[in-house]
Amino acid sequence: MKRRKEEVAAMSKMVKITQECLEQCQKEFMEALSGGKFPDGKVTFTKTLGTLNRKARVLFKELAWLKMQTLIREFDKEVAWHGVACRGDEPDTYYITDILVYPQEVTGATVTTDQGKYQMWLMGHDDDIFNNIRMQGHSHVNMGVSPSSVDTSLYDRLLEQLDDDMFYIFMIWNKRKDRMVKIYDLKTNVLFETEDVSIEVVADEDGIEKFLKNAREMVVNRPVVSYGHGYPANLSRYDTRYGLHSGAFAGSPKNGGSTPGKTQALTESKDKKKKGRRKGRRKDGYGKNSNVGKAGICTDDVDVLDEQLYESLYMRDYH
């Protein structure tokens, strides 16, 4: 039963009363008048015009979407905008092709428009834009997205200016990406609300979406194989930090071969550890004669490296 209520709440509604609905309203109103008692001397009658099992799609051109999201993200007070919109080829589909910011004064909770400046701004656009400004949106910053009384009054005023073949989209967003959406389509006599509307972004040919898609195809996660003491067999953890890469280690001879003196010093340091810290050796592991330097492990003997690397890095990082 609960599920059924949720489905009904998410259904779109009629905007204008039809002849059939008018007759039904008259019948129900007469029944309420004839059989009711009115202790406060007032008559209250509410009638839902009807629900429709229809859904809408709002498709943003990529640049328009980025403009709107940038306004929401960058402004720490309310900000409002218009959208240039048109109908799609499919039923109940609407395209928003651009976002325009108009003159306004804002606070943390209000947007105020100087009507004179607004009209001048509006008339400054060519007919293609002027005739297709069919969306109004604003940010509630960090607050909820329920319309205020000021918002609903604005919606009523704008709807009064629409012809019977027009539509208008209202949106409220916040920084958490919560949204409120209302689409009034007088031509098809339907009101779509948030639950009835899906939001989609149409990628531009050379836009960010395509760039990210290509980037993800080029970037892969490097596999990490652990063994022995638990550090990566491919040394991926230390490649950049310690200069260990491509099988060559900082401090090793360029033309191959070993460095007996340095290898011997590393091996002897293990025995001296049991007798206490060597005099003059710094706590961070960079003593005067230490073979563990900022450039890496000073040996190209893989067996010695395998035995000493973990201990040396442990001493550097945690002691």
Protein backbone atom coordinates (compact mmCIF):
# COMPACT_ATOMS: atom_id res chain seq x y z
CA MET A 1 0.00 0.00 0.00
CA LYS A 2 2.84 2.35 0.81
CA ARG A 3 4.40 1.70 -2.57
CA ARG A 4 1.16 2.64 -4.31
CA LYS A 5 1.10 6.01 -2.52
CA GLU A 6 4.64 6.77 -3.64
CA GLU A 7 3.74 6.00 -7.24
CA VAL A 8 0.70 8.31 -7.14
CA ALA A 9 2.76 11.12 -5.58
CA ALA A 10 5.26 10.90 -8.43
CA MET A 11 2.70 11.19 -11.22
CA SER A 12 2.39 14.33 -13.32
CA LYS A 13 -0.71 16.52 -13.17
CA MET A 14 -2.93 18.55 -15.45
CA VAL A 15 -2.43 22.31 -15.56
CA LYS A 16 -5.68 23.43 -17.20
CA ILE A 17 -9.15 22.12 -16.44
CA THR A 18 -10.77 20.05 -19.17
CA GLN A 19 -14.51 20.01 -19.92
CA GLU A 20 -14.83 16.57 -18.37
CA CYS A 21 -12.98 17.66 -15.25
CA LEU A 22 -15.09 20.85 -15.05
CA GLU A 23 -18.31 18.87 -15.02
CA GLN A 24 -16.92 16.56 -12.35
CA CYS A 25 -15.86 19.51 -10.19
CA GLN A 26 -19.31 21.09 -10.47
CA LYS A 27 -20.98 17.85 -9.43
CA GLU A 28 -18.71 17.33 -6.41
CA PHE A 29 -19.01 20.97 -5.35
CA MET A 30 -22.79 20.85 -5.40
CA GLU A 31 -22.72 17.68 -3.32
CA ALA A 32 -20.41 19.34 -0.78
CA LEU A 33 -22.69 22.40 -0.54
CA SER A 34 -25.91 20.45 -0.14
CA GLY A 35 -24.72 18.04 2.50
CA GLY A 36 -22.13 20.01 4.45
CA LYS A 37 -22.08 22.09 7.62
CA PHE A 38 -19.88 25.18 7.81
CA PRO A 39 -19.21 26.14 11.46
CA ASP A 40 -16.87 29.04 10.54
CA GLY A 41 -19.16 30.33 7.80
CA LYS A 42 -16.65 29.47 5.04
CA VAL A 43 -16.78 27.02 2.15
CA THR A 44 -13.57 25.17 1.37
CA PHE A 45 -13.38 22.91 -1.66
CA THR A 46 -10.31 21.24 -3.11
CA LYS A 47 -10.22 19.18 -6.27
CA THR A 48 -7.22 17.62 -7.98
CA LEU A 49 -7.58 18.11 -11.71
CA GLY A 50 -6.21 14.67 -12.47
CA THR A 51 -2.95 12.75 -12.62
CA LEU A 52 -1.11 11.48 -15.68
CA ASN A 53 1.33 8.62 -16.01
CA ARG A 54 3.93 10.61 -17.95
CA LYS A 55 7.59 11.44 -17.41
CA ALA A 56 9.73 14.26 -18.78
CA ARG A 57 13.37 14.50 -19.82
CA VAL A 58 15.43 17.68 -19.55
CA LEU A 59 18.60 17.52 -21.62
CA PHE A 60 21.34 20.08 -20.99
CA LYS A 61 23.86 20.94 -23.62
CA GLU A 62 27.22 20.25 -21.97
CA LEU A 63 28.39 23.87 -21.80
CA ALA A 64 25.02 24.98 -20.41
CA TRP A 65 25.25 22.32 -17.69
CA LEU A 66 28.79 23.37 -16.76
CA LYS A 67 27.75 27.03 -16.59
CA MET A 68 24.87 26.26 -14.24
CA GLN A 69 26.93 23.99 -11.99
CA THR A 70 29.72 26.58 -11.86
CA LEU A 71 27.28 29.25 -10.67
CA ILE A 72 26.00 26.93 -7.94
CA ARG A 73 29.52 26.00 -6.85
CA GLU A 74 31.24 29.40 -6.97
CA PHE A 75 28.63 31.73 -5.44
CA ASP A 76 28.31 31.69 -1.65
CA LYS A 77 25.03 33.62 -1.84
CA GLU A 78 21.90 33.01 -3.86
CA VAL A 79 22.22 33.52 -7.60
CA ALA A 80 19.59 33.26 -10.32
CA TRP A 81 19.74 32.55 -14.04
CA HIS A 82 17.63 31.98 -17.13
CA GLY A 83 17.90 29.07 -19.53
CA VAL A 84 17.45 29.12 -23.29
CA ALA A 85 15.24 26.10 -23.95
CA CYS A 86 13.27 24.40 -26.70
CA ARG A 87 11.18 21.28 -27.18
CA GLY A 88 12.83 18.06 -28.27
CA ASP A 89 11.68 15.84 -31.12
CA GLU A 90 10.34 13.25 -28.68
CA PRO A 91 7.25 13.97 -26.56
CA ASP A 92 7.85 15.52 -23.12
CA THR A 93 11.50 16.23 -23.92
CA TYR A 94 13.09 19.65 -23.40
CA TYR A 95 16.55 20.92 -24.36
CA ILE A 96 18.42 23.64 -22.45
CA THR A 97 21.07 25.04 -24.76
CA ASP A 98 22.49 27.98 -22.78
CA ILE A 99 22.49 29.64 -19.34
CA LEU A 100 22.19 33.42 -18.95
CA VAL A 101 22.69 35.48 -15.78
CA TYR A 102 20.53 38.60 -15.55
CA PRO A 103 20.99 41.77 -13.39
CA GLN A 104 20.16 41.06 -9.74
CA GLU A 105 20.94 41.92 -6.13
CA VAL A 106 21.45 38.96 -3.81
CA THR A 107 21.81 38.01 -0.16
CA GLY A 108 22.32 34.64 1.46
CA ALA A 109 18.60 33.92 1.13
CA THR A 110 17.10 36.27 -1.51
CA VAL A 111 17.41 37.39 -5.11
CA THR A 112 15.99 40.82 -6.02
CA THR A 113 15.64 42.08 -9.57
CA ASP A 114 15.46 45.71 -10.62
CA GLN A 115 12.64 45.52 -13.15
CA GLY A 116 13.96 48.40 -15.25
CA LYS A 117 17.44 46.90 -15.58
CA TYR A 118 15.95 43.47 -16.17
CA GLN A 119 13.76 44.66 -19.01
CA MET A 120 16.70 46.42 -20.68
CA TRP A 121 18.78 43.25 -20.36
CA LEU A 122 15.94 41.14 -21.74
CA MET A 123 15.33 43.40 -24.75
CA GLY A 124 19.04 43.40 -25.54
CA HIS A 125 18.88 39.82 -26.87
CA ASP A 126 18.02 38.88 -30.42
CA ASP A 127 14.72 37.18 -31.21
CA ASP A 128 16.13 33.65 -31.23
CA ILE A 129 17.22 34.00 -27.62
CA PHE A 130 14.43 36.29 -26.40
CA ASN A 131 11.69 33.96 -27.66
CA ASN A 132 13.31 30.89 -26.13
CA ILE A 133 14.06 32.05 -22.59
CA ARG A 134 11.89 29.35 -21.07
CA MET A 135 13.69 28.44 -17.88
CA GLN A 136 14.33 30.18 -14.56
CA GLY A 137 16.63 28.71 -11.94
CA HIS A 138 18.35 29.80 -8.79
CA SER A 139 20.55 28.46 -6.02
CA HIS A 140 19.55 28.02 -2.39
CA VAL A 141 23.26 27.67 -1.53
CA ASN A 142 23.38 25.25 1.44
CA MET A 143 19.69 25.30 2.30
CA GLY A 144 16.91 22.99 1.17
CA VAL A 145 15.37 23.35 -2.28
CA SER A 146 11.69 23.74 -1.38
CA PRO A 147 10.23 26.86 -3.06
CA SER A 148 9.60 29.84 -0.80
CA SER A 149 6.49 32.01 -1.00
CA VAL A 150 8.55 34.48 -3.04
CA ASP A 151 9.46 31.69 -5.46
CA THR A 152 5.88 30.53 -5.92
CA SER A 153 4.71 34.12 -6.48
CA LEU A 154 7.33 34.47 -9.24
CA TYR A 155 6.15 31.23 -10.82
CA ASP A 156 2.55 32.48 -10.86
CA ARG A 157 3.53 35.77 -12.51
CA LEU A 158 5.57 34.07 -15.21
CA LEU A 159 2.84 31.54 -15.95
CA GLU A 160 0.33 34.34 -16.51
CA GLN A 161 2.46 35.59 -19.39
CA LEU A 162 2.54 32.25 -21.23
CA ASP A 163 0.45 31.48 -24.29
CA ASP A 164 -1.40 28.18 -24.55
CA ASP A 165 1.31 26.62 -26.73
CA MET A 166 4.25 27.48 -24.43
CA PHE A 167 6.13 25.75 -21.63
CA TYR A 168 8.29 26.95 -18.75
CA ILE A 169 10.84 25.19 -16.55
CA PHE A 170 11.61 26.18 -12.95
CA MET A 171 14.57 24.81 -11.01
CA ILE A 172 16.11 25.28 -7.55
CA TRP A 173 19.51 23.74 -6.75
CA ASN A 174 21.91 23.75 -3.80
CA LYS A 175 25.57 22.88 -3.32
CA ARG A 176 24.67 19.31 -2.31
CA LYS A 177 23.18 18.89 -5.80
CA ASP A 178 19.65 18.57 -4.42
CA ARG A 179 17.12 19.92 -6.88
CA MET A 180 13.52 20.98 -7.29
CA VAL A 181 12.05 20.91 -10.80
CA LYS A 182 8.69 22.03 -12.15
CA ILE A 183 7.79 22.00 -15.84
CA TYR A 184 4.53 23.66 -16.85
CA ASP A 185 3.60 22.66 -20.41
CA LEU A 186 0.40 24.43 -21.41
CA LYS A 187 0.38 22.94 -24.89
CA THR A 188 0.12 19.39 -23.58
CA ASN A 189 -1.69 20.44 -20.38
CA VAL A 190 0.72 18.80 -17.93
CA LEU A 191 2.73 19.73 -14.85
CA PHE A 192 5.88 17.69 -14.29
CA GLU A 193 7.48 17.84 -10.86
CA THR A 194 10.87 16.70 -9.55
CA GLU A 195 10.03 13.00 -9.32
CA ASP A 196 8.67 13.04 -12.87
CA VAL A 197 11.77 14.59 -14.44
CA SER A 198 15.10 13.05 -15.41
CA ILE A 199 18.12 15.31 -15.97
CA GLU A 200 20.65 14.41 -18.66
CA VAL A 201 23.73 16.04 -20.19
CA VAL A 202 24.37 15.89 -23.93
CA ALA A 203 28.12 15.78 -24.55
CA ASP A 204 29.58 18.33 -26.96
CA GLU A 205 31.73 17.02 -29.79
CA ASP A 206 34.93 18.44 -28.24
CA GLY A 207 33.72 19.02 -24.70
CA ILE A 208 34.80 17.92 -21.24
CA GLU A 209 32.82 14.67 -21.35
CA LYS A 210 34.70 13.50 -24.43
CA PHE A 211 38.00 14.63 -22.91
CA LEU A 212 37.34 12.62 -19.73
CA LYS A 213 36.26 9.57 -21.73
CA ASN A 214 39.50 9.65 -23.72
CA ALA A 215 41.52 10.24 -20.54
CA ARG A 216 40.01 7.22 -18.80
CA GLU A 217 40.93 5.06 -21.78
CA MET A 218 44.55 6.17 -21.47
CA VAL A 219 44.91 5.85 -17.68
CA VAL A 220 44.94 2.41 -16.03
CA ASN A 221 45.67 1.32 -12.48
CA ARG A 222 49.11 -0.20 -12.05
CA PRO A 223 48.86 -3.72 -10.52
CA VAL A 224 50.68 -4.13 -7.20
CA VAL A 225 52.16 -7.54 -6.32
CA SER A 226 53.20 -8.08 -2.69
CA TYR A 227 55.58 -10.72 -1.35
CA GLY A 228 58.05 -11.35 1.44
CA HIS A 229 58.03 -8.45 3.89
CA GLY A 230 54.79 -7.05 2.45
CA TYR A 231 56.16 -4.29 0.24
CA PRO A 232 55.43 -4.28 -3.50
CA ALA A 233 57.54 -6.60 -5.61
CA ASN A 234 57.59 -4.01 -8.38
CA LEU A 235 58.64 -1.27 -5.89
CA SER A 236 55.75 0.89 -7.04
CA ARG A 237 55.47 2.51 -3.60
CA TYR A 238 59.03 3.79 -3.73
CA ASP A 239 59.52 4.50 -7.43
CA THR A 240 59.15 8.27 -7.28
CA ARG A 241 59.82 8.97 -3.60
CA TYR A 242 63.10 7.09 -3.37
CA GLY A 243 64.31 7.22 -6.96
CA LEU A 244 63.93 3.47 -7.54
CA HIS A 245 62.82 2.86 -11.09
CA SER A 246 63.46 0.78 -14.20
CA GLY A 247 65.81 -1.59 -12.38
CA ALA A 248 68.41 1.14 -11.77
CA PHE A 249 68.82 2.76 -8.36
CA ALA A 250 70.19 6.17 -7.53
CA GLY A 251 73.86 5.90 -6.60
CA SER A 252 74.53 2.75 -8.66
CA PRO A 253 77.19 2.71 -11.39
CA LYS A 254 75.92 3.85 -14.77
CA ASN A 255 77.60 0.96 -16.62
CA GLY A 256 76.60 -1.85 -14.24
CA GLY A 257 78.86 -3.71 -11.80
CA SER A 258 78.96 -3.56 -8.04
CA THR A 259 80.25 -1.08 -5.50
CA PRO A 260 82.02 -3.33 -2.94
CA GLY A 261 82.73 -0.61 -0.41
CA LYS A 262 79.13 0.58 -0.23
CA THR A 263 77.71 -2.95 -0.25
CA GLN A 264 79.97 -3.95 2.60
CA ALA A 265 78.91 -0.88 4.62
CA LEU A 266 75.27 -1.86 4.24
CA THR A 267 75.90 -5.41 5.37
CA GLU A 268 77.94 -4.32 8.37
CA SER A 269 75.27 -1.88 9.51
CA LYS A 270 72.97 -4.82 10.31
CA ASP A 271 75.50 -6.28 12.77
CA LYS A 272 76.17 -2.94 14.41
CA LYS A 273 72.46 -2.44 15.06
CA LYS A 274 72.57 -5.07 17.83
CA LYS A 275 75.26 -3.10 19.68
CA GLY A 276 73.23 0.12 19.72
CA ARG A 277 72.98 3.19 17.54
CA ARG A 278 76.21 4.05 15.79
CA LYS A 279 77.82 7.23 17.08
CA GLY A 280 77.15 10.24 14.93
CA ARG A 281 74.25 8.61 13.12
CA ARG A 282 71.16 10.80 12.93
CA LYS A 283 67.82 9.43 14.05
CA ASP A 284 66.37 9.91 10.59
CA GLY A 285 68.79 7.37 9.11
CA TYR A 286 70.99 9.86 7.21
CA GLY A 287 74.27 9.44 9.11
CA LYS A 288 77.60 10.61 7.86
CA ASN A 289 78.53 7.21 6.51
CA SER A 290 75.03 5.91 5.93
CA ASN A 291 74.35 4.33 2.59
CA VAL A 292 70.66 5.22 2.75
CA GLY A 293 70.44 8.70 1.31
CA LYS A 294 67.66 10.86 0.00
CA ALA A 295 68.46 9.61 -3.48
CA GLY A 296 67.81 5.95 -2.59
CA ILE A 297 69.75 2.78 -1.71
CA CYS A 298 73.37 2.99 -2.76
CA THR A 299 73.88 -0.49 -4.22
CA ASP A 300 73.08 -2.42 -7.35
CA ASP A 301 73.33 -5.82 -5.61
CA VAL A 302 69.78 -7.16 -5.82
CA ASP A 303 70.27 -9.72 -3.04
CA VAL A 304 71.53 -7.09 -0.63
CA LEU A 305 68.76 -4.74 -1.68
CA ASP A 306 66.14 -7.44 -1.08
CA GLU A 307 67.48 -8.02 2.44
CA GLN A 308 68.10 -4.41 3.43
CA LEU A 309 65.47 -2.29 1.66
CA TYR A 310 62.53 -2.86 3.96
CA GLU A 311 64.63 -2.37 7.12
CA SER A 312 66.23 0.81 5.79
CA LEU A 313 62.96 2.38 4.70
CA TYR A 314 61.29 1.36 7.96
CA MET A 315 64.04 3.08 9.95
CA ARG A 316 63.67 6.19 7.82
CA ASP A 317 59.88 6.44 8.01
CA TYR A 318 59.17 5.41 11.59
CA HIS A 319 62.29 6.11 13.71
